[in-house]
Amino acid sequence: MTGQDEGRMTTRESFEQAYKGFHDALEVLTWEPALQVLANGNYNTAFELIFDVTVGRYMVEASAYYLTTEQVAAIRGFLRDVDKLPFRSHAGRQGNDDDRLEANLTDMLHADWVSIRVKARQLIAILATATASNKAYFASLGAPDGRTDP
């Protein structure tokens, strides 16, 4: 962490970390369903991806720093679409690895994800300048991958 008050993050650092997490989740949302499940470690993929992108709310409700009005509107619109997904009740998938794999893959193959994948790609394009700023921020800290911990 690079916070100034003994481990506390500044508002800017919180925003940058939130943006990175949001963008990383968007990237995963563009992948094919099987890769999404594997990347998530075969644990409740749909619920986890929904949870991961909801950090976008923090970015637009808190100080948005370099996000443009268009980018904020696009994030809000995307989150409204994510809120309509029917997978929030799937927390804590039970069963053996094969059962969870089948359940997670079934979830991620659901037709509702098709438009979300398309919209995630579109949002990534809309956020290109913000992503460049975020990468520059972490590069300025000597952390081009966004990790500021040792």
N, C-alpha and C. Protein backbone atom coordinates (compact mmCIF):
# COMPACT_ATOMS: atom_id res chain seq x y z
N MET A 1 0.83 -1.18 0.00
CA MET A 1 0.00 0.00 0.00
C MET A 1 0.88 1.24 0.00
N THR A 2 0.35 2.29 -0.55
CA THR A 2 1.12 3.52 -0.61
C THR A 2 0.46 4.64 0.16
N GLY A 3 -0.49 4.32 1.01
CA GLY A 3 -1.23 5.34 1.77
C GLY A 3 -0.32 6.15 2.65
N GLN A 4 -0.74 7.35 2.95
CA GLN A 4 0.08 8.27 3.71
C GLN A 4 -0.10 8.11 5.21
N ASP A 5 -1.23 7.62 5.68
CA ASP A 5 -1.53 7.54 7.10
C ASP A 5 -1.44 6.10 7.60
N GLU A 6 -0.24 5.60 7.75
CA GLU A 6 0.00 4.28 8.30
C GLU A 6 -0.94 3.22 7.74
N GLY A 7 -0.82 2.95 6.47
CA GLY A 7 -1.59 1.90 5.84
C GLY A 7 -2.94 2.30 5.31
N ARG A 8 -3.38 3.51 5.58
CA ARG A 8 -4.67 3.96 5.05
C ARG A 8 -4.50 4.48 3.63
N MET A 9 -5.40 4.08 2.77
CA MET A 9 -5.34 4.53 1.39
C MET A 9 -5.95 5.92 1.27
N THR A 10 -5.38 6.70 0.38
CA THR A 10 -5.98 7.99 0.07
C THR A 10 -7.20 7.74 -0.82
N THR A 11 -8.03 8.74 -0.98
CA THR A 11 -9.19 8.63 -1.85
C THR A 11 -8.74 8.29 -3.26
N ARG A 12 -7.67 8.90 -3.69
CA ARG A 12 -7.15 8.63 -5.04
C ARG A 12 -6.71 7.19 -5.17
N GLU A 13 -5.97 6.69 -4.19
CA GLU A 13 -5.52 5.30 -4.25
C GLU A 13 -6.70 4.34 -4.27
N SER A 14 -7.70 4.63 -3.46
CA SER A 14 -8.90 3.79 -3.43
C SER A 14 -9.58 3.78 -4.79
N PHE A 15 -9.68 4.95 -5.40
CA PHE A 15 -10.28 5.03 -6.73
C PHE A 15 -9.48 4.20 -7.73
N GLU A 16 -8.16 4.37 -7.72
CA GLU A 16 -7.31 3.67 -8.69
C GLU A 16 -7.40 2.15 -8.51
N GLN A 17 -7.39 1.70 -7.27
CA GLN A 17 -7.52 0.26 -7.01
C GLN A 17 -8.89 -0.24 -7.46
N ALA A 18 -9.94 0.53 -7.15
CA ALA A 18 -11.29 0.15 -7.56
C ALA A 18 -11.40 0.09 -9.08
N TYR A 19 -10.82 1.09 -9.75
CA TYR A 19 -10.88 1.10 -11.21
C TYR A 19 -10.18 -0.14 -11.77
N LYS A 20 -9.01 -0.45 -11.25
CA LYS A 20 -8.27 -1.62 -11.74
C LYS A 20 -9.08 -2.89 -11.54
N GLY A 21 -9.66 -3.07 -10.36
CA GLY A 21 -10.48 -4.25 -10.10
C GLY A 21 -11.69 -4.33 -11.02
N PHE A 22 -12.33 -3.19 -11.24
CA PHE A 22 -13.48 -3.12 -12.14
C PHE A 22 -13.07 -3.49 -13.56
N HIS A 23 -11.98 -2.90 -14.03
CA HIS A 23 -11.53 -3.17 -15.39
C HIS A 23 -11.12 -4.63 -15.55
N ASP A 24 -10.43 -5.19 -14.55
CA ASP A 24 -10.05 -6.60 -14.61
C ASP A 24 -11.30 -7.49 -14.71
N ALA A 25 -12.33 -7.16 -13.93
CA ALA A 25 -13.57 -7.93 -13.99
C ALA A 25 -14.24 -7.79 -15.36
N LEU A 26 -14.21 -6.59 -15.93
CA LEU A 26 -14.75 -6.41 -17.28
C LEU A 26 -14.03 -7.30 -18.28
N GLU A 27 -12.71 -7.36 -18.16
CA GLU A 27 -11.93 -8.21 -19.07
C GLU A 27 -12.38 -9.66 -18.97
N VAL A 28 -12.53 -10.16 -17.74
CA VAL A 28 -12.98 -11.54 -17.56
C VAL A 28 -14.37 -11.74 -18.15
N LEU A 29 -15.21 -10.73 -18.03
CA LEU A 29 -16.56 -10.84 -18.59
C LEU A 29 -16.56 -11.00 -20.11
N THR A 30 -15.50 -10.61 -20.77
CA THR A 30 -15.44 -10.76 -22.23
C THR A 30 -14.99 -12.16 -22.66
N TRP A 31 -14.52 -12.95 -21.74
CA TRP A 31 -14.00 -14.29 -22.06
C TRP A 31 -15.14 -15.27 -22.32
N GLU A 32 -14.76 -16.39 -22.91
CA GLU A 32 -15.71 -17.48 -23.12
C GLU A 32 -16.08 -18.08 -21.77
N PRO A 33 -17.29 -18.64 -21.65
CA PRO A 33 -17.78 -19.15 -20.36
C PRO A 33 -16.84 -20.13 -19.66
N ALA A 34 -16.28 -21.08 -20.37
CA ALA A 34 -15.41 -22.07 -19.72
C ALA A 34 -14.18 -21.41 -19.11
N LEU A 35 -13.63 -20.43 -19.80
CA LEU A 35 -12.46 -19.71 -19.26
C LEU A 35 -12.85 -18.89 -18.04
N GLN A 36 -14.04 -18.33 -18.04
CA GLN A 36 -14.51 -17.57 -16.88
C GLN A 36 -14.59 -18.47 -15.64
N VAL A 37 -15.11 -19.67 -15.83
CA VAL A 37 -15.24 -20.61 -14.72
C VAL A 37 -13.85 -21.03 -14.23
N LEU A 38 -12.96 -21.35 -15.15
CA LEU A 38 -11.61 -21.76 -14.76
C LEU A 38 -10.86 -20.64 -14.07
N ALA A 39 -11.00 -19.42 -14.56
CA ALA A 39 -10.32 -18.28 -13.95
C ALA A 39 -10.82 -18.01 -12.54
N ASN A 40 -12.06 -18.36 -12.28
CA ASN A 40 -12.66 -18.13 -10.98
C ASN A 40 -12.38 -19.27 -10.00
N GLY A 41 -11.71 -20.29 -10.44
CA GLY A 41 -11.41 -21.40 -9.56
C GLY A 41 -12.62 -22.29 -9.32
N ASN A 42 -13.59 -22.26 -10.23
CA ASN A 42 -14.75 -23.12 -10.15
C ASN A 42 -15.54 -22.90 -8.86
N TYR A 43 -15.65 -21.64 -8.45
CA TYR A 43 -16.47 -21.35 -7.28
C TYR A 43 -17.43 -20.22 -7.62
N ASN A 44 -18.68 -20.54 -7.82
CA ASN A 44 -19.75 -19.55 -7.95
C ASN A 44 -19.41 -18.41 -8.90
N THR A 45 -19.03 -18.74 -10.09
CA THR A 45 -18.52 -17.79 -11.06
C THR A 45 -19.46 -16.62 -11.32
N ALA A 46 -20.72 -16.89 -11.58
CA ALA A 46 -21.66 -15.82 -11.90
C ALA A 46 -21.76 -14.81 -10.77
N PHE A 47 -21.96 -15.30 -9.56
CA PHE A 47 -22.09 -14.42 -8.40
C PHE A 47 -20.82 -13.60 -8.21
N GLU A 48 -19.66 -14.24 -8.33
CA GLU A 48 -18.39 -13.54 -8.12
C GLU A 48 -18.17 -12.45 -9.17
N LEU A 49 -18.48 -12.73 -10.42
CA LEU A 49 -18.30 -11.71 -11.46
C LEU A 49 -19.24 -10.53 -11.25
N ILE A 50 -20.47 -10.82 -10.87
CA ILE A 50 -21.42 -9.74 -10.58
C ILE A 50 -20.87 -8.89 -9.43
N PHE A 51 -20.42 -9.55 -8.39
CA PHE A 51 -19.87 -8.84 -7.23
C PHE A 51 -18.67 -7.99 -7.64
N ASP A 52 -17.77 -8.56 -8.44
CA ASP A 52 -16.55 -7.85 -8.84
C ASP A 52 -16.83 -6.59 -9.65
N VAL A 53 -17.83 -6.61 -10.51
CA VAL A 53 -18.09 -5.41 -11.30
C VAL A 53 -18.88 -4.35 -10.53
N THR A 54 -19.52 -4.74 -9.44
CA THR A 54 -20.28 -3.74 -8.70
C THR A 54 -19.39 -2.71 -8.02
N VAL A 55 -18.08 -2.94 -7.99
CA VAL A 55 -17.17 -1.91 -7.48
C VAL A 55 -17.27 -0.66 -8.35
N GLY A 56 -17.79 -0.81 -9.55
CA GLY A 56 -18.00 0.34 -10.43
C GLY A 56 -18.89 1.40 -9.79
N ARG A 57 -19.79 0.97 -8.92
CA ARG A 57 -20.65 1.94 -8.22
C ARG A 57 -19.82 2.87 -7.35
N TYR A 58 -18.83 2.32 -6.70
CA TYR A 58 -17.96 3.14 -5.85
C TYR A 58 -17.28 4.22 -6.70
N MET A 59 -16.81 3.82 -7.86
CA MET A 59 -16.07 4.75 -8.70
C MET A 59 -16.92 5.92 -9.16
N VAL A 60 -18.19 5.68 -9.44
CA VAL A 60 -19.02 6.77 -9.95
C VAL A 60 -19.73 7.53 -8.84
N GLU A 61 -19.86 6.93 -7.67
CA GLU A 61 -20.48 7.62 -6.56
C GLU A 61 -19.46 8.42 -5.76
N ALA A 62 -18.24 7.94 -5.72
CA ALA A 62 -17.17 8.66 -5.04
C ALA A 62 -16.54 9.62 -6.06
N SER A 63 -15.39 10.05 -5.77
CA SER A 63 -14.70 10.95 -6.68
C SER A 63 -14.27 10.19 -7.93
N ALA A 64 -14.75 10.59 -9.07
CA ALA A 64 -14.50 9.86 -10.30
C ALA A 64 -13.18 10.24 -10.97
N TYR A 65 -12.46 11.19 -10.42
CA TYR A 65 -11.18 11.64 -10.95
C TYR A 65 -11.26 11.90 -12.44
N TYR A 66 -10.68 11.06 -13.26
CA TYR A 66 -10.56 11.37 -14.69
C TYR A 66 -11.67 10.74 -15.54
N LEU A 67 -12.68 10.14 -14.95
CA LEU A 67 -13.77 9.59 -15.75
C LEU A 67 -14.60 10.73 -16.33
N THR A 68 -14.89 10.63 -17.61
CA THR A 68 -15.72 11.65 -18.26
C THR A 68 -17.20 11.39 -17.94
N THR A 69 -18.02 12.35 -18.22
CA THR A 69 -19.47 12.20 -18.03
C THR A 69 -19.99 11.01 -18.83
N GLU A 70 -19.50 10.87 -20.06
CA GLU A 70 -19.90 9.75 -20.92
C GLU A 70 -19.48 8.41 -20.30
N GLN A 71 -18.27 8.35 -19.76
CA GLN A 71 -17.79 7.11 -19.15
C GLN A 71 -18.59 6.75 -17.91
N VAL A 72 -18.90 7.75 -17.08
CA VAL A 72 -19.71 7.51 -15.88
C VAL A 72 -21.09 6.99 -16.29
N ALA A 73 -21.70 7.60 -17.28
CA ALA A 73 -23.01 7.16 -17.76
C ALA A 73 -22.94 5.73 -18.31
N ALA A 74 -21.88 5.41 -19.02
CA ALA A 74 -21.72 4.06 -19.57
C ALA A 74 -21.55 3.03 -18.46
N ILE A 75 -20.79 3.36 -17.43
CA ILE A 75 -20.62 2.45 -16.29
C ILE A 75 -21.96 2.24 -15.59
N ARG A 76 -22.68 3.31 -15.35
CA ARG A 76 -23.99 3.19 -14.69
C ARG A 76 -24.95 2.34 -15.51
N GLY A 77 -24.96 2.55 -16.82
CA GLY A 77 -25.83 1.75 -17.69
C GLY A 77 -25.45 0.28 -17.66
N PHE A 78 -24.16 0.01 -17.70
CA PHE A 78 -23.69 -1.37 -17.64
C PHE A 78 -24.11 -2.02 -16.32
N LEU A 79 -23.95 -1.30 -15.22
CA LEU A 79 -24.32 -1.85 -13.91
C LEU A 79 -25.82 -2.10 -13.80
N ARG A 80 -26.62 -1.25 -14.43
CA ARG A 80 -28.07 -1.50 -14.44
C ARG A 80 -28.37 -2.82 -15.15
N ASP A 81 -27.65 -3.08 -16.25
CA ASP A 81 -27.84 -4.35 -16.96
C ASP A 81 -27.37 -5.53 -16.12
N VAL A 82 -26.26 -5.38 -15.43
CA VAL A 82 -25.75 -6.45 -14.56
C VAL A 82 -26.74 -6.73 -13.43
N ASP A 83 -27.36 -5.68 -12.91
CA ASP A 83 -28.34 -5.86 -11.83
C ASP A 83 -29.53 -6.72 -12.25
N LYS A 84 -29.79 -6.80 -13.53
CA LYS A 84 -30.91 -7.60 -14.03
C LYS A 84 -30.58 -9.09 -14.16
N LEU A 85 -29.32 -9.44 -14.01
CA LEU A 85 -28.93 -10.84 -14.13
C LEU A 85 -29.54 -11.66 -13.00
N PRO A 86 -29.97 -12.88 -13.29
CA PRO A 86 -30.69 -13.69 -12.29
C PRO A 86 -29.80 -14.60 -11.44
N PHE A 87 -28.57 -14.21 -11.19
CA PHE A 87 -27.64 -15.15 -10.55
C PHE A 87 -27.25 -14.80 -9.13
N ARG A 88 -27.81 -13.78 -8.54
CA ARG A 88 -27.42 -13.37 -7.18
C ARG A 88 -27.75 -14.43 -6.13
N SER A 89 -28.73 -15.26 -6.39
CA SER A 89 -29.14 -16.26 -5.41
C SER A 89 -28.27 -17.52 -5.46
N HIS A 90 -27.26 -17.52 -6.28
CA HIS A 90 -26.44 -18.72 -6.44
C HIS A 90 -25.21 -18.73 -5.54
N ALA A 91 -25.20 -17.89 -4.53
CA ALA A 91 -24.04 -17.84 -3.64
C ALA A 91 -23.81 -19.19 -2.98
N GLY A 92 -22.54 -19.57 -2.85
CA GLY A 92 -22.17 -20.77 -2.11
C GLY A 92 -22.54 -22.07 -2.78
N ARG A 93 -22.23 -22.21 -4.04
CA ARG A 93 -22.50 -23.48 -4.74
C ARG A 93 -21.91 -24.62 -3.93
N GLN A 94 -22.68 -25.67 -3.75
CA GLN A 94 -22.24 -26.83 -2.97
C GLN A 94 -21.99 -28.00 -3.91
N GLY A 95 -21.43 -29.05 -3.35
CA GLY A 95 -21.22 -30.27 -4.12
C GLY A 95 -19.75 -30.49 -4.41
N ASN A 96 -19.48 -31.58 -5.10
CA ASN A 96 -18.08 -31.88 -5.44
C ASN A 96 -17.63 -31.02 -6.62
N ASP A 97 -16.37 -31.11 -6.97
CA ASP A 97 -15.81 -30.27 -8.03
C ASP A 97 -16.57 -30.41 -9.35
N ASP A 98 -16.90 -31.65 -9.72
CA ASP A 98 -17.59 -31.86 -10.99
C ASP A 98 -18.98 -31.23 -10.98
N ASP A 99 -19.70 -31.38 -9.85
CA ASP A 99 -21.04 -30.78 -9.75
C ASP A 99 -20.96 -29.27 -9.84
N ARG A 100 -19.99 -28.68 -9.14
CA ARG A 100 -19.84 -27.22 -9.17
C ARG A 100 -19.43 -26.76 -10.57
N LEU A 101 -18.54 -27.51 -11.20
CA LEU A 101 -18.11 -27.15 -12.55
C LEU A 101 -19.31 -27.13 -13.50
N GLU A 102 -20.13 -28.16 -13.42
CA GLU A 102 -21.31 -28.21 -14.29
C GLU A 102 -22.27 -27.06 -13.99
N ALA A 103 -22.51 -26.78 -12.71
CA ALA A 103 -23.42 -25.71 -12.33
C ALA A 103 -22.88 -24.35 -12.76
N ASN A 104 -21.59 -24.11 -12.55
CA ASN A 104 -21.00 -22.83 -12.94
C ASN A 104 -21.00 -22.65 -14.44
N LEU A 105 -20.67 -23.69 -15.16
CA LEU A 105 -20.65 -23.59 -16.61
C LEU A 105 -22.08 -23.38 -17.15
N THR A 106 -23.05 -24.05 -16.56
CA THR A 106 -24.45 -23.85 -16.96
C THR A 106 -24.84 -22.39 -16.74
N ASP A 107 -24.48 -21.85 -15.58
CA ASP A 107 -24.77 -20.43 -15.31
C ASP A 107 -24.16 -19.53 -16.37
N MET A 108 -22.88 -19.73 -16.66
CA MET A 108 -22.16 -18.83 -17.56
C MET A 108 -22.57 -19.01 -19.02
N LEU A 109 -23.19 -20.13 -19.34
CA LEU A 109 -23.71 -20.35 -20.69
C LEU A 109 -25.12 -19.78 -20.86
N HIS A 110 -25.71 -19.32 -19.78
CA HIS A 110 -27.06 -18.76 -19.83
C HIS A 110 -27.11 -17.60 -20.82
N ALA A 111 -28.19 -17.51 -21.55
CA ALA A 111 -28.35 -16.50 -22.60
C ALA A 111 -28.21 -15.07 -22.09
N ASP A 112 -28.53 -14.82 -20.82
CA ASP A 112 -28.43 -13.46 -20.28
C ASP A 112 -27.00 -12.92 -20.30
N TRP A 113 -26.02 -13.81 -20.31
CA TRP A 113 -24.63 -13.35 -20.31
C TRP A 113 -24.16 -12.88 -21.69
N VAL A 114 -24.82 -13.30 -22.75
CA VAL A 114 -24.37 -12.95 -24.10
C VAL A 114 -24.31 -11.44 -24.26
N SER A 115 -25.37 -10.74 -23.92
CA SER A 115 -25.37 -9.28 -24.08
C SER A 115 -24.42 -8.61 -23.09
N ILE A 116 -24.24 -9.19 -21.92
CA ILE A 116 -23.30 -8.63 -20.94
C ILE A 116 -21.87 -8.71 -21.48
N ARG A 117 -21.53 -9.82 -22.12
CA ARG A 117 -20.19 -9.94 -22.71
C ARG A 117 -19.96 -8.88 -23.79
N VAL A 118 -20.97 -8.67 -24.62
CA VAL A 118 -20.87 -7.65 -25.68
C VAL A 118 -20.74 -6.27 -25.04
N LYS A 119 -21.56 -5.99 -24.05
CA LYS A 119 -21.54 -4.67 -23.40
C LYS A 119 -20.23 -4.46 -22.63
N ALA A 120 -19.66 -5.52 -22.08
CA ALA A 120 -18.37 -5.39 -21.40
C ALA A 120 -17.29 -4.98 -22.40
N ARG A 121 -17.31 -5.59 -23.59
CA ARG A 121 -16.33 -5.21 -24.63
C ARG A 121 -16.52 -3.75 -25.03
N GLN A 122 -17.77 -3.35 -25.19
CA GLN A 122 -18.05 -1.96 -25.57
C GLN A 122 -17.60 -1.00 -24.47
N LEU A 123 -17.84 -1.35 -23.22
CA LEU A 123 -17.45 -0.49 -22.12
C LEU A 123 -15.94 -0.39 -22.01
N ILE A 124 -15.24 -1.47 -22.24
CA ILE A 124 -13.77 -1.44 -22.23
C ILE A 124 -13.27 -0.42 -23.26
N ALA A 125 -13.89 -0.41 -24.43
CA ALA A 125 -13.50 0.55 -25.46
C ALA A 125 -13.80 1.98 -25.02
N ILE A 126 -14.96 2.20 -24.42
CA ILE A 126 -15.33 3.53 -23.95
C ILE A 126 -14.36 4.02 -22.88
N LEU A 127 -13.86 3.08 -22.08
CA LEU A 127 -12.97 3.42 -20.96
C LEU A 127 -11.49 3.43 -21.33
N ALA A 128 -11.16 3.38 -22.60
CA ALA A 128 -9.76 3.29 -23.02
C ALA A 128 -8.89 4.40 -22.43
N THR A 129 -9.36 5.63 -22.44
CA THR A 129 -8.54 6.73 -21.91
C THR A 129 -8.41 6.63 -20.40
N ALA A 130 -9.46 6.20 -19.73
CA ALA A 130 -9.40 6.03 -18.27
C ALA A 130 -8.45 4.88 -17.92
N THR A 131 -8.48 3.82 -18.70
CA THR A 131 -7.59 2.69 -18.46
C THR A 131 -6.14 3.11 -18.64
N ALA A 132 -5.87 3.92 -19.64
CA ALA A 132 -4.51 4.43 -19.84
C ALA A 132 -4.07 5.28 -18.65
N SER A 133 -4.96 6.10 -18.13
CA SER A 133 -4.64 6.91 -16.95
C SER A 133 -4.38 6.04 -15.73
N ASN A 134 -5.18 4.99 -15.58
CA ASN A 134 -5.01 4.07 -14.46
C ASN A 134 -3.67 3.34 -14.55
N LYS A 135 -3.33 2.89 -15.74
CA LYS A 135 -2.04 2.22 -15.92
C LYS A 135 -0.89 3.18 -15.66
N ALA A 136 -1.03 4.42 -16.09
CA ALA A 136 0.01 5.43 -15.85
C ALA A 136 0.17 5.69 -14.36
N TYR A 137 -0.94 5.71 -13.64
CA TYR A 137 -0.88 5.92 -12.19
C TYR A 137 -0.04 4.82 -11.53
N PHE A 138 -0.35 3.57 -11.84
CA PHE A 138 0.40 2.47 -11.23
C PHE A 138 1.84 2.42 -11.71
N ALA A 139 2.07 2.77 -12.95
CA ALA A 139 3.44 2.81 -13.46
C ALA A 139 4.25 3.87 -12.71
N SER A 140 3.61 4.97 -12.35
CA SER A 140 4.30 6.04 -11.62
C SER A 140 4.72 5.58 -10.23
N LEU A 141 4.06 4.55 -9.73
CA LEU A 141 4.41 3.98 -8.43
C LEU A 141 5.40 2.82 -8.57
N GLY A 142 5.78 2.53 -9.80
CA GLY A 142 6.67 1.40 -10.05
C GLY A 142 5.92 0.08 -10.00
N ALA A 143 4.62 0.13 -10.22
CA ALA A 143 3.76 -1.07 -10.15
C ALA A 143 2.92 -1.17 -11.40
N PRO A 144 3.51 -1.47 -12.56
CA PRO A 144 2.75 -1.48 -13.79
C PRO A 144 1.61 -2.49 -13.83
N ASP A 145 1.65 -3.51 -12.96
CA ASP A 145 0.55 -4.48 -12.94
C ASP A 145 -0.54 -4.09 -11.96
N GLY A 146 -0.39 -2.93 -11.32
CA GLY A 146 -1.40 -2.45 -10.40
C GLY A 146 -1.23 -2.94 -8.98
N ARG A 147 -0.24 -3.75 -8.74
CA ARG A 147 -0.02 -4.25 -7.37
C ARG A 147 0.94 -3.30 -6.66
N THR A 148 0.50 -2.79 -5.53
CA THR A 148 1.34 -1.88 -4.76
C THR A 148 1.85 -2.52 -3.47
N ASP A 149 1.45 -3.79 -3.25
CA ASP A 149 1.96 -4.49 -2.07
C ASP A 149 3.24 -5.23 -2.44
N PRO A 150 4.08 -5.55 -1.46
CA PRO A 150 5.36 -6.22 -1.76
C PRO A 150 5.19 -7.60 -2.30
